[in-house]
Amino acid sequence: MAEPPFICGYIPLKAVELMTGVHDPLVRGDFDLTLAGGLGSGDCAVYQRDGSRLKVLAIGLLLNGSREKVEEAVQSGASPLPEIMPQGIGAYRKDSDSKTNAAYALLVRGKASLGIDLDIGVKGRDNAADVVALMKLIAPKLITDASAPSPSPSPSTRKPG
């Protein structure tokens, strides 16, 4: 369970500091879960405060959910996310070419899409596991019930006659 303080209203600061190695980061953004009929939208960006102001982490909640994007990511080498939310599908990966320990995660549920881009991770940590763990902490708060896809109509059953 995530404990306060939170950045951008929903992201646990302690988790961000652990996965980025940046303490007291510069933070920009917010989320509004009342937009689009309760689907919500927003973003949160985390920067180093050392004068370089390099972005280390970006989280975005968008209304462009597409199962196809997740399936394409898995086909190109990403791993499927474990089930985090009912009717949700996701993928994650560590950027094997990255010199900054980058890792990414995407979760789609209905029209909602939640992405985590760890641009600069801590050397020696399992950065892919970090983005999965953060997704588990924040997705249930940011992806609302309004995003659940409509249930498919069940086939009618005919009684023998």
C-alpha atoms as a PDB file:
ATOM      1  CA  MET A   1       0.000   0.000   0.000  1.00  0.00           C
ATOM      2  CA  ALA A   2       1.331   3.394  -0.962  1.00  0.00           C
ATOM      3  CA  GLU A   3       1.841   5.929   1.792  1.00  0.00           C
ATOM      4  CA  PRO A   4       1.883   9.733   1.597  1.00  0.00           C
ATOM      5  CA  PRO A   5       3.348  12.025   0.536  1.00  0.00           C
ATOM      6  CA  PHE A   6       2.145  11.800  -3.048  1.00  0.00           C
ATOM      7  CA  ILE A   7       3.281  13.780  -6.061  1.00  0.00           C
ATOM      8  CA  CYS A   8       0.760  14.887  -8.669  1.00  0.00           C
ATOM      9  CA  GLY A   9      -1.897  13.750  -6.199  1.00  0.00           C
ATOM     10  CA  TYR A  10      -1.553   9.989  -6.787  1.00  0.00           C
ATOM     11  CA  ILE A  11       2.103   8.945  -7.191  1.00  0.00           C
ATOM     12  CA  PRO A  12       3.926   7.865  -4.007  1.00  0.00           C
ATOM     13  CA  LEU A  13       7.044  10.023  -3.587  1.00  0.00           C
ATOM     14  CA  LYS A  14       8.967   7.259  -1.807  1.00  0.00           C
ATOM     15  CA  ALA A  15       8.514   4.888  -4.787  1.00  0.00           C
ATOM     16  CA  VAL A  16       9.633   7.619  -7.220  1.00  0.00           C
ATOM     17  CA  GLU A  17      12.749   8.371  -5.172  1.00  0.00           C
ATOM     18  CA  LEU A  18      13.607   4.670  -4.908  1.00  0.00           C
ATOM     19  CA  MET A  19      13.268   3.945  -8.620  1.00  0.00           C
ATOM     20  CA  THR A  20      14.911   7.161  -9.891  1.00  0.00           C
ATOM     21  CA  GLY A  21      17.496   7.804  -7.202  1.00  0.00           C
ATOM     22  CA  VAL A  22      16.358  11.443  -7.162  1.00  0.00           C
ATOM     23  CA  HIS A  23      15.466  12.798  -3.736  1.00  0.00           C
ATOM     24  CA  ASP A  24      13.247  15.873  -3.480  1.00  0.00           C
ATOM     25  CA  PRO A  25      12.606  15.879  -7.249  1.00  0.00           C
ATOM     26  CA  LEU A  26      11.171  18.743  -9.254  1.00  0.00           C
ATOM     27  CA  VAL A  27       7.631  17.692 -10.234  1.00  0.00           C
ATOM     28  CA  ARG A  28       5.201  19.069 -12.822  1.00  0.00           C
ATOM     29  CA  GLY A  29       1.680  17.952 -13.694  1.00  0.00           C
ATOM     30  CA  ASP A  30      -1.540  16.638 -12.251  1.00  0.00           C
ATOM     31  CA  PHE A  31      -4.456  14.324 -12.952  1.00  0.00           C
ATOM     32  CA  ASP A  32      -8.140  15.223 -13.202  1.00  0.00           C
ATOM     33  CA  LEU A  33     -10.272  12.110 -12.830  1.00  0.00           C
ATOM     34  CA  THR A  34     -13.510  14.032 -13.470  1.00  0.00           C
ATOM     35  CA  LEU A  35     -12.744  14.680 -17.156  1.00  0.00           C
ATOM     36  CA  ALA A  36     -14.337  12.756 -20.031  1.00  0.00           C
ATOM     37  CA  GLY A  37     -17.238  11.389 -18.055  1.00  0.00           C
ATOM     38  CA  GLY A  38     -15.033  10.160 -15.224  1.00  0.00           C
ATOM     39  CA  LEU A  39     -12.352   8.522 -17.370  1.00  0.00           C
ATOM     40  CA  GLY A  40      -9.840  11.131 -16.316  1.00  0.00           C
ATOM     41  CA  SER A  41      -6.733  12.531 -17.930  1.00  0.00           C
ATOM     42  CA  GLY A  42      -3.404  14.026 -16.934  1.00  0.00           C
ATOM     43  CA  ASP A  43       0.310  13.599 -16.609  1.00  0.00           C
ATOM     44  CA  CYS A  44       3.130  13.824 -14.133  1.00  0.00           C
ATOM     45  CA  ALA A  45       6.774  14.508 -14.969  1.00  0.00           C
ATOM     46  CA  VAL A  46       9.674  14.141 -12.545  1.00  0.00           C
ATOM     47  CA  TYR A  47      12.963  15.972 -13.067  1.00  0.00           C
ATOM     48  CA  GLN A  48      16.367  16.034 -11.412  1.00  0.00           C
ATOM     49  CA  ARG A  49      16.800  19.110  -9.268  1.00  0.00           C
ATOM     50  CA  ASP A  50      20.578  19.283  -9.763  1.00  0.00           C
ATOM     51  CA  GLY A  51      20.536  22.126 -12.270  1.00  0.00           C
ATOM     52  CA  SER A  52      20.387  19.798 -15.273  1.00  0.00           C
ATOM     53  CA  ARG A  53      16.630  19.391 -14.874  1.00  0.00           C
ATOM     54  CA  LEU A  54      16.765  16.116 -16.768  1.00  0.00           C
ATOM     55  CA  LYS A  55      13.431  14.310 -16.914  1.00  0.00           C
ATOM     56  CA  VAL A  56      13.747  10.992 -15.093  1.00  0.00           C
ATOM     57  CA  LEU A  57      10.141   9.768 -15.063  1.00  0.00           C
ATOM     58  CA  ALA A  58       6.919  10.519 -16.932  1.00  0.00           C
ATOM     59  CA  ILE A  59       3.459   9.127 -16.216  1.00  0.00           C
ATOM     60  CA  GLY A  60       0.499   9.789 -18.485  1.00  0.00           C
ATOM     61  CA  LEU A  61      -3.196   8.961 -18.302  1.00  0.00           C
ATOM     62  CA  LEU A  62      -4.715   9.335 -21.745  1.00  0.00           C
ATOM     63  CA  LEU A  63      -7.976   8.540 -23.516  1.00  0.00           C
ATOM     64  CA  ASN A  64      -6.343   6.565 -26.295  1.00  0.00           C
ATOM     65  CA  GLY A  65      -6.605   3.042 -24.930  1.00  0.00           C
ATOM     66  CA  SER A  66      -5.833   0.438 -27.534  1.00  0.00           C
ATOM     67  CA  ARG A  67      -5.412  -3.279 -26.894  1.00  0.00           C
ATOM     68  CA  GLU A  68      -3.621  -3.396 -30.246  1.00  0.00           C
ATOM     69  CA  LYS A  69      -0.814  -1.148 -28.901  1.00  0.00           C
ATOM     70  CA  VAL A  70      -0.258  -3.582 -26.050  1.00  0.00           C
ATOM     71  CA  GLU A  71      -0.368  -6.606 -28.339  1.00  0.00           C
ATOM     72  CA  GLU A  72       2.134  -4.937 -30.705  1.00  0.00           C
ATOM     73  CA  ALA A  73       4.461  -4.187 -27.799  1.00  0.00           C
ATOM     74  CA  VAL A  74       4.370  -7.827 -26.686  1.00  0.00           C
ATOM     75  CA  GLN A  75       4.980  -9.021 -30.246  1.00  0.00           C
ATOM     76  CA  SER A  76       8.051  -6.758 -30.415  1.00  0.00           C
ATOM     77  CA  GLY A  77       9.582  -8.173 -27.243  1.00  0.00           C
ATOM     78  CA  ALA A  78       7.814  -6.573 -24.280  1.00  0.00           C
ATOM     79  CA  SER A  79       6.509  -8.811 -21.515  1.00  0.00           C
ATOM     80  CA  PRO A  80       2.803  -8.917 -20.640  1.00  0.00           C
ATOM     81  CA  LEU A  81       1.934  -7.174 -17.386  1.00  0.00           C
ATOM     82  CA  PRO A  82       0.443  -9.376 -14.689  1.00  0.00           C
ATOM     83  CA  GLU A  83      -3.267  -8.711 -14.184  1.00  0.00           C
ATOM     84  CA  ILE A  84      -3.517  -5.447 -12.300  1.00  0.00           C
ATOM     85  CA  MET A  85      -7.148  -4.570 -12.989  1.00  0.00           C
ATOM     86  CA  PRO A  86     -10.077  -6.593 -14.294  1.00  0.00           C
ATOM     87  CA  GLN A  87     -10.412  -6.198 -18.078  1.00  0.00           C
ATOM     88  CA  GLY A  88      -7.011  -4.503 -18.260  1.00  0.00           C
ATOM     89  CA  ILE A  89      -4.168  -5.537 -20.535  1.00  0.00           C
ATOM     90  CA  GLY A  90      -0.612  -4.287 -20.402  1.00  0.00           C
ATOM     91  CA  ALA A  91       3.023  -4.718 -21.279  1.00  0.00           C
ATOM     92  CA  TYR A  92       6.384  -3.664 -19.899  1.00  0.00           C
ATOM     93  CA  ARG A  93      10.013  -3.763 -20.916  1.00  0.00           C
ATOM     94  CA  LYS A  94      13.477  -2.642 -19.992  1.00  0.00           C
ATOM     95  CA  ASP A  95      15.229  -0.774 -22.762  1.00  0.00           C
ATOM     96  CA  SER A  96      18.178  -3.102 -23.329  1.00  0.00           C
ATOM     97  CA  ASP A  97      20.036  -0.452 -25.375  1.00  0.00           C
ATOM     98  CA  SER A  98      19.662   2.238 -22.717  1.00  0.00           C
ATOM     99  CA  LYS A  99      22.691   3.561 -20.890  1.00  0.00           C
ATOM    100  CA  THR A 100      20.327   5.203 -18.375  1.00  0.00           C
ATOM    101  CA  ASN A 101      18.478   2.044 -17.217  1.00  0.00           C
ATOM    102  CA  ALA A 102      15.236   3.065 -18.932  1.00  0.00           C
ATOM    103  CA  ALA A 103      12.089   0.956 -18.597  1.00  0.00           C
ATOM    104  CA  TYR A 104       8.497   1.364 -19.731  1.00  0.00           C
ATOM    105  CA  ALA A 105       5.028   0.065 -18.841  1.00  0.00           C
ATOM    106  CA  LEU A 106       1.629   0.507 -20.476  1.00  0.00           C
ATOM    107  CA  LEU A 107      -1.768  -0.544 -19.134  1.00  0.00           C
ATOM    108  CA  VAL A 108      -4.949  -0.250 -21.198  1.00  0.00           C
ATOM    109  CA  ARG A 109      -8.480  -0.693 -19.908  1.00  0.00           C
ATOM    110  CA  GLY A 110     -11.289   0.297 -22.230  1.00  0.00           C
ATOM    111  CA  LYS A 111     -10.539   3.810 -23.518  1.00  0.00           C
ATOM    112  CA  ALA A 112      -8.054   4.584 -20.733  1.00  0.00           C
ATOM    113  CA  SER A 113      -4.313   4.203 -21.240  1.00  0.00           C
ATOM    114  CA  LEU A 114      -1.802   4.603 -18.401  1.00  0.00           C
ATOM    115  CA  GLY A 115       1.865   4.806 -19.363  1.00  0.00           C
ATOM    116  CA  ILE A 116       4.992   4.936 -17.227  1.00  0.00           C
ATOM    117  CA  ASP A 117       8.290   5.960 -18.841  1.00  0.00           C
ATOM    118  CA  LEU A 118      11.288   5.618 -16.551  1.00  0.00           C
ATOM    119  CA  ASP A 119      13.869   7.558 -18.545  1.00  0.00           C
ATOM    120  CA  ILE A 120      16.653   7.358 -15.954  1.00  0.00           C
ATOM    121  CA  GLY A 121      16.583   4.490 -13.486  1.00  0.00           C
ATOM    122  CA  VAL A 122      18.933   3.503 -10.704  1.00  0.00           C
ATOM    123  CA  LYS A 123      21.888   1.406 -11.843  1.00  0.00           C
ATOM    124  CA  GLY A 124      21.807  -2.082 -10.340  1.00  0.00           C
ATOM    125  CA  ARG A 125      18.049  -2.127  -9.722  1.00  0.00           C
ATOM    126  CA  ASP A 126      15.559  -4.196 -11.698  1.00  0.00           C
ATOM    127  CA  ASN A 127      14.116  -1.178 -13.494  1.00  0.00           C
ATOM    128  CA  ALA A 128      11.462  -3.227 -15.317  1.00  0.00           C
ATOM    129  CA  ALA A 129      10.250  -4.568 -11.972  1.00  0.00           C
ATOM    130  CA  ASP A 130      10.180  -0.983 -10.678  1.00  0.00           C
ATOM    131  CA  VAL A 131       7.786   0.217 -13.401  1.00  0.00           C
ATOM    132  CA  VAL A 132       5.562  -2.847 -12.849  1.00  0.00           C
ATOM    133  CA  ALA A 133       5.482  -2.209  -9.099  1.00  0.00           C
ATOM    134  CA  LEU A 134       4.627   1.467  -9.643  1.00  0.00           C
ATOM    135  CA  MET A 135       1.867   0.480 -12.082  1.00  0.00           C
ATOM    136  CA  LYS A 136       0.393  -1.826  -9.424  1.00  0.00           C
ATOM    137  CA  LEU A 137       0.381   1.060  -6.947  1.00  0.00           C
ATOM    138  CA  ILE A 138      -1.125   3.772  -9.139  1.00  0.00           C
ATOM    139  CA  ALA A 139      -3.340   2.096 -11.756  1.00  0.00           C
ATOM    140  CA  PRO A 140      -6.174   1.235  -9.344  1.00  0.00           C
ATOM    141  CA  LYS A 141      -6.304   4.914  -8.315  1.00  0.00           C
ATOM    142  CA  LEU A 142      -5.969   6.484 -11.764  1.00  0.00           C
ATOM    143  CA  ILE A 143      -7.903   4.107 -14.002  1.00  0.00           C
ATOM    144  CA  THR A 144     -11.471   4.559 -12.845  1.00  0.00           C
ATOM    145  CA  ASP A 145     -14.467   2.238 -13.080  1.00  0.00           C
ATOM    146  CA  ALA A 146     -15.736   4.417 -15.939  1.00  0.00           C
ATOM    147  CA  SER A 147     -13.006   2.931 -18.136  1.00  0.00           C
ATOM    148  CA  ALA A 148     -14.288  -0.640 -17.879  1.00  0.00           C
ATOM    149  CA  PRO A 149     -15.297  -1.916 -21.293  1.00  0.00           C
ATOM    150  CA  SER A 150     -18.963  -2.731 -21.745  1.00  0.00           C
ATOM    151  CA  PRO A 151     -19.608  -6.413 -21.207  1.00  0.00           C
ATOM    152  CA  SER A 152     -20.135  -8.370 -24.390  1.00  0.00           C
ATOM    153  CA  PRO A 153     -23.689  -9.529 -24.832  1.00  0.00           C
ATOM    154  CA  SER A 154     -23.924 -13.176 -23.974  1.00  0.00           C
ATOM    155  CA  PRO A 155     -25.335 -15.486 -26.593  1.00  0.00           C
ATOM    156  CA  SER A 156     -28.977 -16.262 -26.004  1.00  0.00           C
ATOM    157  CA  THR A 157     -29.650 -19.702 -24.792  1.00  0.00           C
ATOM    158  CA  ARG A 158     -32.424 -21.657 -26.329  1.00  0.00           C
ATOM    159  CA  LYS A 159     -34.411 -24.123 -24.355  1.00  0.00           C
ATOM    160  CA  PRO A 160     -34.973 -27.468 -25.984  1.00  0.00           C
ATOM    161  CA  GLY A 161     -38.376 -27.437 -27.357  1.00  0.00           C
END
